[in-house]
Amino acid sequence: MRASPKANLNNDQRQSVLHLLLVCLREGKLPHGSFQFVAGKFGVTRSTIRLIWLRAQVDLNNVQRICESVALQKATWNEVSMETPDSNFMTLQSCLQEVIKAAGDNNYKIPHMGKKKLALAGKLPETVACDPTVFNDGCTRLGEEDIDKRLRVLSQEIAEALEMAEICNLLEDMGL
């Protein structure tokens, strides 16, 4: 049976075509006959599939495409200096202390330790020391909180968010 040359695919079908073509990729390239294979699955011509592929402007050399190369991510991570995660963790520790000082509020200035300067001088500490009064104040505030109540509120918020996500999925399925 010959495929209809004027077959109009809806957006969901075009997305399915692109998904199937992306699944067919081998080492960043479409194998010979991929357009024909996908055209047979959808009952359209090979040129229709080719046009969908071209309209999607899939640039397989573009690192910002949807399905980024895992190998590129691994290579990038291998280039990260070990000082970077350490520096990030020290900043996190300092920010957590500021949150405690601000009684849980996000209205605080991000502390600047001058980590690079300290590291070059060989004076960068391995950990950030927490002032005992800040620690005790944080523990006192935590002790005053009704954790069960907080968990109930959080549980309700999550349930509402999941319900809203389900509604959004249904609207997307309806094409709205």
C-alpha atoms as a PDB file:
ATOM      1  CA  MET A   1       0.000   0.000   0.000  1.00  0.00           C
ATOM      2  CA  ARG A   2       1.381   3.374  -1.045  1.00  0.00           C
ATOM      3  CA  ALA A   3       1.478   6.111   1.576  1.00  0.00           C
ATOM      4  CA  SER A   4      -0.580   9.229   1.086  1.00  0.00           C
ATOM      5  CA  PRO A   5       1.657  12.055  -0.174  1.00  0.00           C
ATOM      6  CA  LYS A   6      -0.522  14.704   1.505  1.00  0.00           C
ATOM      7  CA  ALA A   7      -0.855  13.099   4.937  1.00  0.00           C
ATOM      8  CA  ASN A   8      -1.299  15.729   7.625  1.00  0.00           C
ATOM      9  CA  LEU A   9       0.127  14.675  10.950  1.00  0.00           C
ATOM     10  CA  ASN A  10      -0.980  16.420  14.116  1.00  0.00           C
ATOM     11  CA  ASN A  11       1.521  17.793  16.635  1.00  0.00           C
ATOM     12  CA  ASP A  12       1.470  14.654  18.797  1.00  0.00           C
ATOM     13  CA  GLN A  13       2.200  12.496  15.763  1.00  0.00           C
ATOM     14  CA  ARG A  14       5.045  14.803  14.718  1.00  0.00           C
ATOM     15  CA  GLN A  15       6.475  14.579  18.221  1.00  0.00           C
ATOM     16  CA  SER A  16       6.228  10.789  17.957  1.00  0.00           C
ATOM     17  CA  VAL A  17       8.018  10.898  14.590  1.00  0.00           C
ATOM     18  CA  LEU A  18      10.840  12.966  16.091  1.00  0.00           C
ATOM     19  CA  HIS A  19      11.037  10.701  19.130  1.00  0.00           C
ATOM     20  CA  LEU A  20      11.295   7.612  16.921  1.00  0.00           C
ATOM     21  CA  LEU A  21      13.978   9.269  14.775  1.00  0.00           C
ATOM     22  CA  LEU A  22      15.956  10.199  17.891  1.00  0.00           C
ATOM     23  CA  VAL A  23      15.693   6.590  19.073  1.00  0.00           C
ATOM     24  CA  CYS A  24      17.099   5.491  15.699  1.00  0.00           C
ATOM     25  CA  LEU A  25      20.216   7.671  16.095  1.00  0.00           C
ATOM     26  CA  ARG A  26      23.492   5.776  16.126  1.00  0.00           C
ATOM     27  CA  GLU A  27      26.611   7.723  17.117  1.00  0.00           C
ATOM     28  CA  GLY A  28      24.818  10.985  16.374  1.00  0.00           C
ATOM     29  CA  LYS A  29      23.670   9.976  12.871  1.00  0.00           C
ATOM     30  CA  LEU A  30      20.539   8.484  11.393  1.00  0.00           C
ATOM     31  CA  PRO A  31      21.214   5.096   9.787  1.00  0.00           C
ATOM     32  CA  HIS A  32      20.352   4.604   6.118  1.00  0.00           C
ATOM     33  CA  GLY A  33      16.669   3.823   5.703  1.00  0.00           C
ATOM     34  CA  SER A  34      15.518   5.522   8.928  1.00  0.00           C
ATOM     35  CA  PHE A  35      13.173   7.915   7.112  1.00  0.00           C
ATOM     36  CA  GLN A  36      11.638   5.019   5.173  1.00  0.00           C
ATOM     37  CA  PHE A  37      11.227   2.949   8.359  1.00  0.00           C
ATOM     38  CA  VAL A  38       9.492   5.780  10.232  1.00  0.00           C
ATOM     39  CA  ALA A  39       7.378   6.669   7.180  1.00  0.00           C
ATOM     40  CA  GLY A  40       6.101   3.085   7.111  1.00  0.00           C
ATOM     41  CA  LYS A  41       5.152   3.273  10.790  1.00  0.00           C
ATOM     42  CA  PHE A  42       3.082   6.426  10.265  1.00  0.00           C
ATOM     43  CA  GLY A  43       1.724   5.729   6.771  1.00  0.00           C
ATOM     44  CA  VAL A  44       3.301   8.779   5.159  1.00  0.00           C
ATOM     45  CA  THR A  45       5.996   9.331   2.553  1.00  0.00           C
ATOM     46  CA  ARG A  46       9.689   9.414   3.291  1.00  0.00           C
ATOM     47  CA  SER A  47       9.811  13.062   2.208  1.00  0.00           C
ATOM     48  CA  THR A  48       7.166  13.948   4.829  1.00  0.00           C
ATOM     49  CA  ILE A  49       9.369  12.453   7.546  1.00  0.00           C
ATOM     50  CA  ARG A  50      12.398  14.234   6.102  1.00  0.00           C
ATOM     51  CA  LEU A  51      10.547  17.583   6.220  1.00  0.00           C
ATOM     52  CA  ILE A  52       9.498  17.003   9.832  1.00  0.00           C
ATOM     53  CA  TRP A  53      13.128  16.225  10.691  1.00  0.00           C
ATOM     54  CA  LEU A  54      14.379  19.342   8.897  1.00  0.00           C
ATOM     55  CA  ARG A  55      11.695  21.600  10.424  1.00  0.00           C
ATOM     56  CA  ALA A  56      12.700  20.450  13.870  1.00  0.00           C
ATOM     57  CA  GLN A  57      16.112  21.915  13.060  1.00  0.00           C
ATOM     58  CA  VAL A  58      17.828  19.119  14.856  1.00  0.00           C
ATOM     59  CA  ASP A  59      21.460  20.144  14.913  1.00  0.00           C
ATOM     60  CA  LEU A  60      23.339  17.096  16.111  1.00  0.00           C
ATOM     61  CA  ASN A  61      26.476  19.145  16.745  1.00  0.00           C
ATOM     62  CA  ASN A  62      24.662  21.621  18.994  1.00  0.00           C
ATOM     63  CA  VAL A  63      25.370  20.868  22.652  1.00  0.00           C
ATOM     64  CA  GLN A  64      22.174  22.649  23.688  1.00  0.00           C
ATOM     65  CA  ARG A  65      19.840  20.182  21.955  1.00  0.00           C
ATOM     66  CA  ILE A  66      17.313  18.295  24.046  1.00  0.00           C
ATOM     67  CA  CYS A  67      19.228  15.017  24.206  1.00  0.00           C
ATOM     68  CA  GLU A  68      22.677  16.242  25.172  1.00  0.00           C
ATOM     69  CA  SER A  69      25.580  13.916  24.878  1.00  0.00           C
ATOM     70  CA  VAL A  70      26.191  12.009  28.087  1.00  0.00           C
ATOM     71  CA  ALA A  71      29.809  11.611  27.063  1.00  0.00           C
ATOM     72  CA  LEU A  72      30.154  15.394  26.894  1.00  0.00           C
ATOM     73  CA  GLN A  73      28.716  15.703  30.396  1.00  0.00           C
ATOM     74  CA  LYS A  74      31.149  13.105  31.741  1.00  0.00           C
ATOM     75  CA  ALA A  75      34.095  14.768  30.033  1.00  0.00           C
ATOM     76  CA  THR A  76      33.081  18.144  31.427  1.00  0.00           C
ATOM     77  CA  TRP A  77      32.769  16.748  34.947  1.00  0.00           C
ATOM     78  CA  ASN A  78      36.258  15.232  34.661  1.00  0.00           C
ATOM     79  CA  GLU A  79      37.605  18.711  33.908  1.00  0.00           C
ATOM     80  CA  VAL A  80      36.121  20.194  37.096  1.00  0.00           C
ATOM     81  CA  SER A  81      38.734  21.024  39.670  1.00  0.00           C
ATOM     82  CA  MET A  82      38.230  19.320  43.027  1.00  0.00           C
ATOM     83  CA  GLU A  83      38.381  22.757  44.631  1.00  0.00           C
ATOM     84  CA  THR A  84      35.056  23.671  42.982  1.00  0.00           C
ATOM     85  CA  PRO A  85      32.811  21.269  44.968  1.00  0.00           C
ATOM     86  CA  ASP A  86      34.767  22.102  48.143  1.00  0.00           C
ATOM     87  CA  SER A  87      34.249  25.798  47.516  1.00  0.00           C
ATOM     88  CA  ASN A  88      30.536  25.288  46.845  1.00  0.00           C
ATOM     89  CA  PHE A  89      30.125  23.268  50.023  1.00  0.00           C
ATOM     90  CA  MET A  90      31.864  25.927  52.106  1.00  0.00           C
ATOM     91  CA  THR A  91      29.550  28.565  50.634  1.00  0.00           C
ATOM     92  CA  LEU A  92      26.563  26.353  51.473  1.00  0.00           C
ATOM     93  CA  GLN A  93      27.743  25.973  55.073  1.00  0.00           C
ATOM     94  CA  SER A  94      28.152  29.745  55.383  1.00  0.00           C
ATOM     95  CA  CYS A  95      24.699  30.370  53.881  1.00  0.00           C
ATOM     96  CA  LEU A  96      23.107  27.895  56.287  1.00  0.00           C
ATOM     97  CA  GLN A  97      24.604  29.800  59.203  1.00  0.00           C
ATOM     98  CA  GLU A  98      23.167  33.036  57.799  1.00  0.00           C
ATOM     99  CA  VAL A  99      19.727  31.399  57.487  1.00  0.00           C
ATOM    100  CA  ILE A 100      19.922  30.372  61.153  1.00  0.00           C
ATOM    101  CA  LYS A 101      20.930  33.921  62.130  1.00  0.00           C
ATOM    102  CA  ALA A 102      17.972  35.256  60.094  1.00  0.00           C
ATOM    103  CA  ALA A 103      15.599  32.865  61.924  1.00  0.00           C
ATOM    104  CA  GLY A 104      14.883  30.889  58.769  1.00  0.00           C
ATOM    105  CA  ASP A 105      14.306  33.912  56.567  1.00  0.00           C
ATOM    106  CA  ASN A 106      15.920  34.116  53.127  1.00  0.00           C
ATOM    107  CA  ASN A 107      16.618  37.796  53.586  1.00  0.00           C
ATOM    108  CA  TYR A 108      20.369  37.646  54.164  1.00  0.00           C
ATOM    109  CA  LYS A 109      23.538  38.613  52.353  1.00  0.00           C
ATOM    110  CA  ILE A 110      25.510  35.712  50.899  1.00  0.00           C
ATOM    111  CA  PRO A 111      28.778  35.604  52.834  1.00  0.00           C
ATOM    112  CA  HIS A 112      32.012  36.122  50.930  1.00  0.00           C
ATOM    113  CA  MET A 113      35.002  34.335  52.440  1.00  0.00           C
ATOM    114  CA  GLY A 114      37.553  35.124  49.750  1.00  0.00           C
ATOM    115  CA  LYS A 115      38.192  31.382  49.298  1.00  0.00           C
ATOM    116  CA  LYS A 116      40.558  31.752  46.336  1.00  0.00           C
ATOM    117  CA  LYS A 117      42.698  34.252  48.180  1.00  0.00           C
ATOM    118  CA  LEU A 118      42.760  32.056  51.302  1.00  0.00           C
ATOM    119  CA  ALA A 119      43.592  28.970  49.225  1.00  0.00           C
ATOM    120  CA  LEU A 120      46.507  30.721  47.512  1.00  0.00           C
ATOM    121  CA  ALA A 121      47.828  31.757  50.913  1.00  0.00           C
ATOM    122  CA  GLY A 122      47.366  28.186  52.177  1.00  0.00           C
ATOM    123  CA  LYS A 123      44.936  29.358  54.858  1.00  0.00           C
ATOM    124  CA  LEU A 124      41.649  27.946  53.535  1.00  0.00           C
ATOM    125  CA  PRO A 125      39.959  25.940  56.303  1.00  0.00           C
ATOM    126  CA  GLU A 126      38.610  22.468  55.514  1.00  0.00           C
ATOM    127  CA  THR A 127      35.318  23.271  57.222  1.00  0.00           C
ATOM    128  CA  VAL A 128      33.444  26.386  58.219  1.00  0.00           C
ATOM    129  CA  ALA A 129      33.256  26.718  61.988  1.00  0.00           C
ATOM    130  CA  CYS A 130      29.828  27.545  63.345  1.00  0.00           C
ATOM    131  CA  ASP A 131      29.626  29.954  66.258  1.00  0.00           C
ATOM    132  CA  PRO A 132      28.225  28.004  69.257  1.00  0.00           C
ATOM    133  CA  THR A 133      25.651  30.715  69.967  1.00  0.00           C
ATOM    134  CA  VAL A 134      24.349  30.478  66.379  1.00  0.00           C
ATOM    135  CA  PHE A 135      24.194  26.689  66.679  1.00  0.00           C
ATOM    136  CA  ASN A 136      22.372  26.831  70.033  1.00  0.00           C
ATOM    137  CA  ASP A 137      19.972  29.466  68.716  1.00  0.00           C
ATOM    138  CA  GLY A 138      19.164  27.238  65.724  1.00  0.00           C
ATOM    139  CA  CYS A 139      18.579  24.214  67.962  1.00  0.00           C
ATOM    140  CA  THR A 140      16.294  26.272  70.212  1.00  0.00           C
ATOM    141  CA  ARG A 141      14.234  27.466  67.245  1.00  0.00           C
ATOM    142  CA  LEU A 142      13.974  23.909  65.909  1.00  0.00           C
ATOM    143  CA  GLY A 143      12.821  22.699  69.320  1.00  0.00           C
ATOM    144  CA  GLU A 144      10.042  25.291  69.305  1.00  0.00           C
ATOM    145  CA  GLU A 145       8.679  24.085  65.958  1.00  0.00           C
ATOM    146  CA  ASP A 146       5.838  21.580  65.688  1.00  0.00           C
ATOM    147  CA  ILE A 147       7.478  19.228  63.178  1.00  0.00           C
ATOM    148  CA  ASP A 148       4.353  17.059  62.829  1.00  0.00           C
ATOM    149  CA  LYS A 149       2.325  20.130  61.867  1.00  0.00           C
ATOM    150  CA  ARG A 150       4.987  21.164  59.341  1.00  0.00           C
ATOM    151  CA  LEU A 151       4.947  17.667  57.813  1.00  0.00           C
ATOM    152  CA  ARG A 152       1.135  17.722  57.550  1.00  0.00           C
ATOM    153  CA  VAL A 153       1.239  21.096  55.783  1.00  0.00           C
ATOM    154  CA  LEU A 154       4.008  19.891  53.477  1.00  0.00           C
ATOM    155  CA  SER A 155       2.076  16.706  52.727  1.00  0.00           C
ATOM    156  CA  GLN A 156      -0.995  18.759  51.809  1.00  0.00           C
ATOM    157  CA  GLU A 157       1.068  21.058  49.561  1.00  0.00           C
ATOM    158  CA  ILE A 158       2.578  18.056  47.776  1.00  0.00           C
ATOM    159  CA  ALA A 159      -0.860  16.470  47.288  1.00  0.00           C
ATOM    160  CA  GLU A 160      -2.184  19.721  45.792  1.00  0.00           C
ATOM    161  CA  ALA A 161       0.858  20.043  43.511  1.00  0.00           C
ATOM    162  CA  LEU A 162       0.427  16.461  42.290  1.00  0.00           C
ATOM    163  CA  GLU A 163      -3.262  17.085  41.638  1.00  0.00           C
ATOM    164  CA  MET A 164      -2.403  20.220  39.649  1.00  0.00           C
ATOM    165  CA  ALA A 165       0.242  18.292  37.681  1.00  0.00           C
ATOM    166  CA  GLU A 166      -2.377  15.679  36.796  1.00  0.00           C
ATOM    167  CA  ILE A 167      -4.748  18.408  35.599  1.00  0.00           C
ATOM    168  CA  CYS A 168      -1.955  19.923  33.483  1.00  0.00           C
ATOM    169  CA  ASN A 169      -1.192  16.517  31.964  1.00  0.00           C
ATOM    170  CA  LEU A 170      -4.862  16.048  31.068  1.00  0.00           C
ATOM    171  CA  LEU A 171      -4.979  19.507  29.467  1.00  0.00           C
ATOM    172  CA  GLU A 172      -1.841  18.720  27.460  1.00  0.00           C
ATOM    173  CA  ASP A 173      -3.357  15.422  26.325  1.00  0.00           C
ATOM    174  CA  MET A 174      -6.420  17.346  25.150  1.00  0.00           C
ATOM    175  CA  GLY A 175      -4.161  19.720  23.210  1.00  0.00           C
ATOM    176  CA  LEU A 176      -5.059  22.810  25.229  1.00  0.00           C
END
